[in-house]
Amino acid sequence: MKTTSSRRSTRRAAFTLLEMLVVLVILGLLVALVAPRVLSNVGTSKVQTTKTQIGLLEGAVNQFRLEVGRPPTADEGLQVLLAKPDGDDGEKWDGPYLERDSIPADGWGNAFEYDPGDRGRFVIRSLGADGRVGGEGEDADLDNRSL
């Protein structure tokens, strides 16, 4: 009997191929169920980040407009929120109007578009995840007039 017990103690414990396949199938099913939920939350957070950045930029443009007496021109763009404009308006400028060294990007890393509009009704726009005009869902354009 000693021989039998010594064989059992030296036997190595290992997983069989079937056990490994079962574990892989279970992991695959878990990933398939959880991944879409996680990825949809990432998209939602990028949209929310973009809306927040638009609100921040809109506030900075409004502050610029109050102090300088006009919104930034198309040539100045949003950069004028960080650097004093040339000419007479530079004397009124009391910026920078953002607490950063650069203009923030939207949630997808793209630059915001700025349009001074007519009668001071400026637009700050993100073209969404696809970076093109139009679209639906995450690809939809976001701007300060539609928020």
C-alpha atoms as a PDB file:
ATOM      1  CA  MET A   1       0.000   0.000   0.000  1.00  0.00           C
ATOM      2  CA  LYS A   2       2.886   2.345   0.504  1.00  0.00           C
ATOM      3  CA  THR A   3       3.507   2.366  -3.205  1.00  0.00           C
ATOM      4  CA  THR A   4      -0.002   3.620  -3.985  1.00  0.00           C
ATOM      5  CA  SER A   5       0.126   6.493  -1.531  1.00  0.00           C
ATOM      6  CA  SER A   6       3.545   7.590  -2.766  1.00  0.00           C
ATOM      7  CA  ARG A   7       2.251   7.637  -6.329  1.00  0.00           C
ATOM      8  CA  ARG A   8      -0.600   9.918  -5.361  1.00  0.00           C
ATOM      9  CA  SER A   9       1.654  12.377  -3.576  1.00  0.00           C
ATOM     10  CA  THR A  10       4.006  12.711  -6.560  1.00  0.00           C
ATOM     11  CA  ARG A  11       1.211  13.094  -9.096  1.00  0.00           C
ATOM     12  CA  ARG A  12       1.106  16.634 -10.478  1.00  0.00           C
ATOM     13  CA  ALA A  13      -2.129  18.559 -10.409  1.00  0.00           C
ATOM     14  CA  ALA A  14      -2.953  20.180 -13.762  1.00  0.00           C
ATOM     15  CA  PHE A  15      -5.929  21.340 -15.791  1.00  0.00           C
ATOM     16  CA  THR A  16      -7.130  19.202 -18.640  1.00  0.00           C
ATOM     17  CA  LEU A  17      -7.650  20.640 -22.097  1.00  0.00           C
ATOM     18  CA  LEU A  18     -11.413  20.365 -21.657  1.00  0.00           C
ATOM     19  CA  GLU A  19     -11.327  22.355 -18.403  1.00  0.00           C
ATOM     20  CA  MET A  20      -9.248  25.068 -20.080  1.00  0.00           C
ATOM     21  CA  LEU A  21     -11.714  25.294 -22.983  1.00  0.00           C
ATOM     22  CA  VAL A  22     -14.679  25.594 -20.613  1.00  0.00           C
ATOM     23  CA  VAL A  23     -12.962  28.435 -18.734  1.00  0.00           C
ATOM     24  CA  LEU A  24     -12.163  30.224 -22.013  1.00  0.00           C
ATOM     25  CA  VAL A  25     -15.776  29.913 -23.203  1.00  0.00           C
ATOM     26  CA  ILE A  26     -17.075  31.330 -19.909  1.00  0.00           C
ATOM     27  CA  LEU A  27     -14.607  34.240 -20.086  1.00  0.00           C
ATOM     28  CA  GLY A  28     -15.610  34.900 -23.694  1.00  0.00           C
ATOM     29  CA  LEU A  29     -19.283  35.045 -22.739  1.00  0.00           C
ATOM     30  CA  LEU A  30     -18.563  37.437 -19.870  1.00  0.00           C
ATOM     31  CA  VAL A  31     -16.581  39.744 -22.145  1.00  0.00           C
ATOM     32  CA  ALA A  32     -19.337  39.645 -24.772  1.00  0.00           C
ATOM     33  CA  LEU A  33     -21.938  40.649 -22.183  1.00  0.00           C
ATOM     34  CA  VAL A  34     -19.931  43.297 -20.310  1.00  0.00           C
ATOM     35  CA  ALA A  35     -17.963  44.996 -23.125  1.00  0.00           C
ATOM     36  CA  PRO A  36     -20.924  46.713 -24.857  1.00  0.00           C
ATOM     37  CA  ARG A  37     -22.059  48.263 -21.573  1.00  0.00           C
ATOM     38  CA  VAL A  38     -18.582  49.531 -20.748  1.00  0.00           C
ATOM     39  CA  LEU A  39     -17.992  50.879 -24.261  1.00  0.00           C
ATOM     40  CA  SER A  40     -21.337  52.701 -24.327  1.00  0.00           C
ATOM     41  CA  ASN A  41     -20.402  54.426 -21.067  1.00  0.00           C
ATOM     42  CA  VAL A  42     -17.125  55.587 -22.622  1.00  0.00           C
ATOM     43  CA  GLY A  43     -19.044  57.181 -25.508  1.00  0.00           C
ATOM     44  CA  THR A  44     -21.474  58.854 -23.131  1.00  0.00           C
ATOM     45  CA  SER A  45     -18.620  60.280 -21.071  1.00  0.00           C
ATOM     46  CA  LYS A  46     -16.987  61.741 -24.197  1.00  0.00           C
ATOM     47  CA  VAL A  47     -20.246  63.488 -25.117  1.00  0.00           C
ATOM     48  CA  GLN A  48     -20.563  64.833 -21.565  1.00  0.00           C
ATOM     49  CA  THR A  49     -16.923  66.000 -21.577  1.00  0.00           C
ATOM     50  CA  THR A  50     -17.544  67.825 -24.851  1.00  0.00           C
ATOM     51  CA  LYS A  51     -20.659  69.542 -23.484  1.00  0.00           C
ATOM     52  CA  THR A  52     -18.709  70.640 -20.413  1.00  0.00           C
ATOM     53  CA  GLN A  53     -15.846  72.011 -22.533  1.00  0.00           C
ATOM     54  CA  ILE A  54     -18.314  73.915 -24.741  1.00  0.00           C
ATOM     55  CA  GLY A  55     -19.853  75.483 -21.630  1.00  0.00           C
ATOM     56  CA  LEU A  56     -16.401  76.452 -20.357  1.00  0.00           C
ATOM     57  CA  LEU A  57     -15.461  78.043 -23.686  1.00  0.00           C
ATOM     58  CA  GLU A  58     -18.814  79.823 -23.950  1.00  0.00           C
ATOM     59  CA  GLY A  59     -18.278  81.376 -20.525  1.00  0.00           C
ATOM     60  CA  ALA A  60     -14.775  82.499 -21.510  1.00  0.00           C
ATOM     61  CA  VAL A  61     -16.043  84.058 -24.763  1.00  0.00           C
ATOM     62  CA  ASN A  62     -18.798  85.867 -22.846  1.00  0.00           C
ATOM     63  CA  GLN A  63     -16.233  87.227 -20.374  1.00  0.00           C
ATOM     64  CA  PHE A  64     -14.063  88.381 -23.294  1.00  0.00           C
ATOM     65  CA  ARG A  65     -17.098  90.047 -24.879  1.00  0.00           C
ATOM     66  CA  LEU A  66     -17.981  91.875 -21.651  1.00  0.00           C
ATOM     67  CA  GLU A  67     -14.482  93.286 -21.255  1.00  0.00           C
ATOM     68  CA  VAL A  68     -13.520  93.955 -24.873  1.00  0.00           C
ATOM     69  CA  GLY A  69     -16.993  94.911 -26.100  1.00  0.00           C
ATOM     70  CA  ARG A  70     -17.289  92.326 -28.866  1.00  0.00           C
ATOM     71  CA  PRO A  71     -16.895  88.571 -29.351  1.00  0.00           C
ATOM     72  CA  PRO A  72     -13.689  87.234 -30.908  1.00  0.00           C
ATOM     73  CA  THR A  73     -13.489  87.610 -34.688  1.00  0.00           C
ATOM     74  CA  ALA A  74     -13.187  84.642 -37.036  1.00  0.00           C
ATOM     75  CA  ASP A  75      -9.501  85.467 -37.565  1.00  0.00           C
ATOM     76  CA  GLU A  76      -8.817  85.645 -33.824  1.00  0.00           C
ATOM     77  CA  GLY A  77     -10.787  82.517 -33.062  1.00  0.00           C
ATOM     78  CA  LEU A  78     -10.680  81.012 -29.606  1.00  0.00           C
ATOM     79  CA  GLN A  79      -6.930  81.656 -29.302  1.00  0.00           C
ATOM     80  CA  VAL A  80      -7.696  85.265 -28.324  1.00  0.00           C
ATOM     81  CA  LEU A  81      -8.965  83.883 -25.023  1.00  0.00           C
ATOM     82  CA  LEU A  82      -5.343  83.076 -24.176  1.00  0.00           C
ATOM     83  CA  ALA A  83      -3.352  85.871 -25.843  1.00  0.00           C
ATOM     84  CA  LYS A  84      -3.965  89.610 -26.001  1.00  0.00           C
ATOM     85  CA  PRO A  85      -5.296  90.814 -29.377  1.00  0.00           C
ATOM     86  CA  ASP A  86      -3.451  93.427 -31.412  1.00  0.00           C
ATOM     87  CA  GLY A  87      -4.727  96.974 -31.720  1.00  0.00           C
ATOM     88  CA  ASP A  88      -6.971  99.058 -29.507  1.00  0.00           C
ATOM     89  CA  ASP A  89      -8.854  96.024 -28.170  1.00  0.00           C
ATOM     90  CA  GLY A  90      -5.659  94.820 -26.516  1.00  0.00           C
ATOM     91  CA  GLU A  91      -5.975  97.598 -23.937  1.00  0.00           C
ATOM     92  CA  LYS A  92      -9.392  96.323 -22.815  1.00  0.00           C
ATOM     93  CA  TRP A  93      -8.307  92.680 -22.766  1.00  0.00           C
ATOM     94  CA  ASP A  94      -7.948  91.391 -19.207  1.00  0.00           C
ATOM     95  CA  GLY A  95      -7.221  87.724 -19.878  1.00  0.00           C
ATOM     96  CA  PRO A  96      -6.314  85.041 -20.177  1.00  0.00           C
ATOM     97  CA  TYR A  97      -9.886  83.859 -19.915  1.00  0.00           C
ATOM     98  CA  LEU A  98      -9.029  80.179 -19.492  1.00  0.00           C
ATOM     99  CA  GLU A  99      -6.967  78.594 -16.736  1.00  0.00           C
ATOM    100  CA  ARG A 100      -4.867  76.591 -19.206  1.00  0.00           C
ATOM    101  CA  ASP A 101      -2.086  77.079 -21.689  1.00  0.00           C
ATOM    102  CA  SER A 102      -4.104  75.871 -24.669  1.00  0.00           C
ATOM    103  CA  ILE A 103      -7.668  75.674 -25.944  1.00  0.00           C
ATOM    104  CA  PRO A 104      -9.188  72.370 -24.787  1.00  0.00           C
ATOM    105  CA  ALA A 105     -10.170  69.745 -27.346  1.00  0.00           C
ATOM    106  CA  ASP A 106     -13.522  67.984 -27.480  1.00  0.00           C
ATOM    107  CA  GLY A 107     -14.035  64.531 -25.954  1.00  0.00           C
ATOM    108  CA  TRP A 108     -12.568  62.854 -29.044  1.00  0.00           C
ATOM    109  CA  GLY A 109      -9.444  65.028 -29.172  1.00  0.00           C
ATOM    110  CA  ASN A 110     -10.640  67.252 -32.035  1.00  0.00           C
ATOM    111  CA  ALA A 111     -10.414  71.040 -32.069  1.00  0.00           C
ATOM    112  CA  PHE A 112     -13.592  73.034 -31.565  1.00  0.00           C
ATOM    113  CA  GLU A 113     -14.878  75.186 -34.409  1.00  0.00           C
ATOM    114  CA  TYR A 114     -15.667  78.822 -33.663  1.00  0.00           C
ATOM    115  CA  ASP A 115     -18.012  81.029 -35.680  1.00  0.00           C
ATOM    116  CA  PRO A 116     -18.560  84.626 -34.513  1.00  0.00           C
ATOM    117  CA  GLY A 117     -22.008  84.548 -36.114  1.00  0.00           C
ATOM    118  CA  ASP A 118     -24.079  87.650 -36.670  1.00  0.00           C
ATOM    119  CA  ARG A 119     -25.050  90.230 -34.037  1.00  0.00           C
ATOM    120  CA  GLY A 120     -22.756  88.617 -31.476  1.00  0.00           C
ATOM    121  CA  ARG A 121     -24.482  85.234 -31.558  1.00  0.00           C
ATOM    122  CA  PHE A 122     -21.317  83.149 -31.704  1.00  0.00           C
ATOM    123  CA  VAL A 123     -21.221  79.364 -32.085  1.00  0.00           C
ATOM    124  CA  ILE A 124     -18.734  76.942 -30.545  1.00  0.00           C
ATOM    125  CA  ARG A 125     -19.102  73.570 -32.262  1.00  0.00           C
ATOM    126  CA  SER A 126     -17.769  70.029 -31.992  1.00  0.00           C
ATOM    127  CA  LEU A 127     -18.253  67.789 -35.013  1.00  0.00           C
ATOM    128  CA  GLY A 128     -18.666  64.696 -32.834  1.00  0.00           C
ATOM    129  CA  ALA A 129     -16.803  61.410 -32.882  1.00  0.00           C
ATOM    130  CA  ASP A 130     -16.519  61.210 -36.683  1.00  0.00           C
ATOM    131  CA  GLY A 131     -15.209  64.777 -37.093  1.00  0.00           C
ATOM    132  CA  ARG A 132     -17.687  65.438 -39.938  1.00  0.00           C
ATOM    133  CA  VAL A 133     -20.736  67.676 -40.203  1.00  0.00           C
ATOM    134  CA  GLY A 134     -23.994  65.965 -39.224  1.00  0.00           C
ATOM    135  CA  GLY A 135     -24.384  62.496 -37.852  1.00  0.00           C
ATOM    136  CA  GLU A 136     -26.322  60.711 -35.149  1.00  0.00           C
ATOM    137  CA  GLY A 137     -25.486  59.428 -31.687  1.00  0.00           C
ATOM    138  CA  GLU A 138     -21.832  60.045 -30.864  1.00  0.00           C
ATOM    139  CA  ASP A 139     -21.258  61.356 -34.402  1.00  0.00           C
ATOM    140  CA  ALA A 140     -23.816  64.149 -33.914  1.00  0.00           C
ATOM    141  CA  ASP A 141     -22.557  67.723 -33.859  1.00  0.00           C
ATOM    142  CA  LEU A 142     -22.719  69.563 -30.535  1.00  0.00           C
ATOM    143  CA  ASP A 143     -22.729  73.338 -30.125  1.00  0.00           C
ATOM    144  CA  ASN A 144     -23.480  75.967 -27.507  1.00  0.00           C
ATOM    145  CA  ARG A 145     -26.810  76.878 -29.121  1.00  0.00           C
ATOM    146  CA  SER A 146     -28.184  73.344 -28.863  1.00  0.00           C
ATOM    147  CA  LEU A 147     -27.124  72.590 -25.279  1.00  0.00           C
END
